[in-house]
N, C-alpha and C. Protein backbone atom coordinates (compact mmCIF):
# COMPACT_ATOMS: atom_id res chain seq x y z
N UNK A 1 -2.14 -3.15 -1.27
CA UNK A 1 -2.87 -1.99 -0.85
C UNK A 1 -3.72 -1.53 -2.03
N UNK A 2 -4.99 -1.27 -1.79
CA UNK A 2 -5.89 -0.74 -2.81
C UNK A 2 -5.80 0.79 -2.75
N UNK A 3 -5.37 1.41 -3.85
CA UNK A 3 -5.10 2.85 -3.82
C UNK A 3 -5.65 3.57 -5.05
N UNK A 4 -5.78 4.86 -4.90
CA UNK A 4 -5.99 5.78 -6.02
C UNK A 4 -4.66 6.47 -6.24
N UNK A 5 -4.06 6.27 -7.41
CA UNK A 5 -2.73 6.78 -7.72
C UNK A 5 -2.75 8.24 -8.17
N UNK A 6 -1.61 8.90 -8.03
CA UNK A 6 -1.39 10.25 -8.54
C UNK A 6 -0.60 10.12 -9.84
N UNK A 7 -1.08 10.81 -10.88
CA UNK A 7 -0.36 10.85 -12.15
C UNK A 7 0.49 12.12 -12.22
N UNK A 8 1.56 12.06 -12.98
CA UNK A 8 2.38 13.23 -13.33
C UNK A 8 3.09 13.89 -12.15
N UNK A 9 3.24 13.22 -11.03
CA UNK A 9 4.00 13.80 -9.91
C UNK A 9 5.49 13.78 -10.26
N UNK A 10 6.22 14.84 -9.92
CA UNK A 10 7.67 14.81 -10.15
C UNK A 10 8.30 13.65 -9.37
N UNK A 11 9.31 13.04 -9.92
CA UNK A 11 9.91 11.85 -9.29
C UNK A 11 10.41 12.14 -7.88
N UNK A 12 10.89 13.36 -7.61
CA UNK A 12 11.40 13.68 -6.27
C UNK A 12 10.28 13.77 -5.23
N UNK A 13 9.02 13.87 -5.65
CA UNK A 13 7.89 13.95 -4.73
C UNK A 13 7.26 12.59 -4.44
N UNK A 14 7.61 11.58 -5.21
CA UNK A 14 7.00 10.25 -5.05
C UNK A 14 7.65 9.52 -3.87
N UNK A 15 6.82 9.11 -2.91
CA UNK A 15 7.32 8.38 -1.75
C UNK A 15 7.05 6.88 -1.84
N UNK A 16 6.00 6.49 -2.53
CA UNK A 16 5.65 5.07 -2.63
C UNK A 16 5.14 4.80 -4.04
N UNK A 17 5.91 4.02 -4.79
CA UNK A 17 5.53 3.69 -6.16
C UNK A 17 5.38 2.17 -6.28
N UNK A 18 4.67 1.70 -7.29
CA UNK A 18 4.52 0.26 -7.47
C UNK A 18 5.87 -0.41 -7.72
N UNK A 19 6.02 -1.61 -7.23
CA UNK A 19 7.23 -2.38 -7.50
C UNK A 19 7.20 -2.86 -8.95
N UNK A 20 8.36 -3.16 -9.47
CA UNK A 20 8.44 -3.66 -10.84
C UNK A 20 7.65 -4.96 -10.95
N UNK A 21 6.79 -5.05 -11.94
CA UNK A 21 5.98 -6.24 -12.15
C UNK A 21 4.69 -6.28 -11.34
N UNK A 22 4.39 -5.19 -10.60
CA UNK A 22 3.16 -5.15 -9.80
C UNK A 22 1.95 -5.29 -10.72
N UNK A 23 0.95 -6.03 -10.25
CA UNK A 23 -0.24 -6.31 -11.05
C UNK A 23 -1.48 -5.84 -10.32
N UNK A 24 -2.37 -5.19 -11.05
CA UNK A 24 -3.67 -4.78 -10.53
C UNK A 24 -4.59 -5.99 -10.60
N UNK A 25 -5.15 -6.38 -9.46
CA UNK A 25 -6.02 -7.55 -9.40
C UNK A 25 -7.48 -7.14 -9.29
N UNK A 26 -8.35 -7.91 -9.89
CA UNK A 26 -9.78 -7.64 -9.85
C UNK A 26 -10.54 -8.95 -9.95
N UNK A 27 -11.68 -9.01 -9.30
CA UNK A 27 -12.55 -10.17 -9.43
C UNK A 27 -13.33 -10.12 -10.74
N UNK A 28 -13.33 -8.96 -11.39
CA UNK A 28 -14.13 -8.76 -12.60
C UNK A 28 -13.27 -8.75 -13.86
N UNK A 29 -12.16 -7.99 -13.85
CA UNK A 29 -11.33 -7.82 -15.05
C UNK A 29 -10.06 -8.65 -14.96
N UNK A 30 -9.46 -8.88 -16.09
CA UNK A 30 -8.19 -9.59 -16.15
C UNK A 30 -7.09 -8.75 -15.48
N UNK A 31 -6.09 -9.40 -14.87
CA UNK A 31 -4.99 -8.65 -14.25
C UNK A 31 -4.25 -7.78 -15.27
N UNK A 32 -3.84 -6.59 -14.84
CA UNK A 32 -3.06 -5.69 -15.69
C UNK A 32 -1.88 -5.16 -14.88
N UNK A 33 -0.79 -4.86 -15.57
CA UNK A 33 0.37 -4.29 -14.89
C UNK A 33 0.07 -2.86 -14.44
N UNK A 34 0.59 -2.49 -13.27
CA UNK A 34 0.40 -1.16 -12.72
C UNK A 34 1.38 -0.20 -13.38
N UNK A 35 0.91 0.99 -13.71
CA UNK A 35 1.74 2.03 -14.33
C UNK A 35 2.72 2.57 -13.30
N UNK A 36 4.01 2.30 -13.48
CA UNK A 36 5.02 2.71 -12.51
C UNK A 36 5.32 4.20 -12.54
N UNK A 37 4.74 4.95 -13.47
CA UNK A 37 4.92 6.40 -13.45
C UNK A 37 3.96 7.05 -12.46
N UNK A 38 3.01 6.29 -11.96
CA UNK A 38 2.06 6.80 -10.97
C UNK A 38 2.55 6.48 -9.57
N UNK A 39 2.04 7.19 -8.57
CA UNK A 39 2.47 6.97 -7.19
C UNK A 39 1.28 6.89 -6.26
N UNK A 40 1.37 6.02 -5.25
CA UNK A 40 0.32 5.88 -4.25
C UNK A 40 0.48 6.89 -3.12
N UNK A 41 1.72 7.33 -2.87
CA UNK A 41 2.00 8.30 -1.81
C UNK A 41 2.93 9.37 -2.38
N UNK A 42 2.53 10.63 -2.19
CA UNK A 42 3.29 11.77 -2.73
C UNK A 42 3.38 12.84 -1.65
N UNK A 43 4.54 13.50 -1.57
CA UNK A 43 4.72 14.63 -0.66
C UNK A 43 5.42 15.74 -1.43
N UNK A 44 4.86 16.94 -1.38
CA UNK A 44 5.44 18.08 -2.10
C UNK A 44 5.68 19.23 -1.13
N UNK A 45 6.77 19.95 -1.32
CA UNK A 45 7.07 21.14 -0.51
C UNK A 45 6.09 22.24 -0.88
N UNK A 46 5.60 22.93 0.13
CA UNK A 46 4.64 24.01 -0.06
C UNK A 46 4.96 25.11 0.94
N UNK A 47 5.55 26.20 0.46
CA UNK A 47 5.98 27.25 1.37
C UNK A 47 7.03 26.73 2.33
N UNK A 48 6.80 26.89 3.64
CA UNK A 48 7.74 26.39 4.64
C UNK A 48 7.36 25.00 5.15
N UNK A 49 6.34 24.41 4.56
CA UNK A 49 5.91 23.07 4.97
C UNK A 49 5.81 22.15 3.78
N UNK A 50 4.90 21.22 3.87
CA UNK A 50 4.68 20.30 2.77
C UNK A 50 3.24 19.81 2.79
N UNK A 51 2.82 19.29 1.65
CA UNK A 51 1.50 18.70 1.53
C UNK A 51 1.69 17.24 1.15
N UNK A 52 0.84 16.38 1.67
CA UNK A 52 1.03 14.95 1.55
C UNK A 52 -0.26 14.31 1.05
N UNK A 53 -0.14 13.31 0.18
CA UNK A 53 -1.29 12.56 -0.32
C UNK A 53 -1.01 11.07 -0.17
N UNK A 54 -1.94 10.35 0.42
CA UNK A 54 -1.87 8.89 0.50
C UNK A 54 -3.16 8.35 -0.10
N UNK A 55 -3.04 7.58 -1.17
CA UNK A 55 -4.21 7.09 -1.89
C UNK A 55 -4.82 5.81 -1.34
N UNK A 56 -4.39 5.35 -0.16
CA UNK A 56 -4.93 4.12 0.42
C UNK A 56 -6.44 4.25 0.60
N UNK A 57 -7.18 3.34 0.03
CA UNK A 57 -8.64 3.40 0.09
C UNK A 57 -9.22 2.70 1.32
N UNK A 58 -8.42 1.90 2.02
CA UNK A 58 -8.94 1.10 3.13
C UNK A 58 -8.37 1.47 4.49
N UNK A 59 -7.54 2.47 4.56
CA UNK A 59 -7.00 2.91 5.85
C UNK A 59 -6.28 1.81 6.61
N UNK A 60 -5.34 1.14 5.97
CA UNK A 60 -4.60 0.05 6.61
C UNK A 60 -3.61 0.60 7.63
N UNK A 61 -3.23 -0.23 8.60
CA UNK A 61 -2.33 0.21 9.67
C UNK A 61 -1.03 0.81 9.14
N UNK A 62 -0.43 0.18 8.13
CA UNK A 62 0.83 0.68 7.59
C UNK A 62 0.72 2.08 7.03
N UNK A 63 -0.34 2.35 6.28
CA UNK A 63 -0.50 3.69 5.72
C UNK A 63 -0.90 4.69 6.81
N UNK A 64 -1.63 4.25 7.83
CA UNK A 64 -1.93 5.14 8.96
C UNK A 64 -0.65 5.52 9.69
N UNK A 65 0.26 4.55 9.88
CA UNK A 65 1.54 4.83 10.53
C UNK A 65 2.36 5.82 9.70
N UNK A 66 2.33 5.65 8.39
CA UNK A 66 3.04 6.56 7.49
C UNK A 66 2.50 7.98 7.63
N UNK A 67 1.18 8.12 7.63
CA UNK A 67 0.56 9.43 7.77
C UNK A 67 0.97 10.09 9.08
N UNK A 68 0.91 9.34 10.18
CA UNK A 68 1.29 9.90 11.48
C UNK A 68 2.76 10.29 11.51
N UNK A 69 3.64 9.48 10.92
CA UNK A 69 5.07 9.81 10.93
C UNK A 69 5.36 11.06 10.10
N UNK A 70 4.64 11.24 8.98
CA UNK A 70 4.83 12.45 8.18
C UNK A 70 4.30 13.69 8.88
N UNK A 71 3.42 13.49 9.87
CA UNK A 71 2.91 14.62 10.67
C UNK A 71 3.79 14.87 11.89
N UNK A 72 4.88 14.11 12.03
CA UNK A 72 5.82 14.35 13.11
C UNK A 72 5.69 13.44 14.31
N UNK A 73 4.74 12.51 14.30
CA UNK A 73 4.60 11.57 15.41
C UNK A 73 5.63 10.46 15.25
N UNK A 74 6.31 10.12 16.32
CA UNK A 74 7.38 9.11 16.27
C UNK A 74 6.94 7.85 17.01
N UNK A 75 7.52 6.72 16.63
CA UNK A 75 7.26 5.47 17.33
C UNK A 75 5.96 4.81 16.90
N UNK A 76 5.65 3.72 17.56
CA UNK A 76 4.45 2.94 17.25
C UNK A 76 3.22 3.67 17.79
N UNK A 77 2.24 3.84 16.95
CA UNK A 77 1.00 4.51 17.33
C UNK A 77 -0.13 3.50 17.32
N UNK A 78 -1.15 3.74 18.11
CA UNK A 78 -2.30 2.84 18.15
C UNK A 78 -3.01 2.83 16.80
N UNK A 79 -3.55 1.66 16.40
CA UNK A 79 -4.29 1.60 15.13
C UNK A 79 -5.47 2.56 15.14
N UNK A 80 -5.81 3.07 13.98
CA UNK A 80 -6.93 4.00 13.87
C UNK A 80 -8.20 3.26 13.56
């Protein structure tokens, strides 16, 4: 998944972090290891609800399903 990561999120708010050994790939630059202190998906409590961030840049089906489930929709949803 191509994402924009969140830095400095508390560990309890991180929902999706890079796996150990994950590598950032590029057609231009040499591969580099992904910083595991950053997160691609974060959810934080805000008042009586929560705020959610998903850094997916391409709107893939898996991240769309995640977004819908965090909004309370259950089951398989049609692709966006």
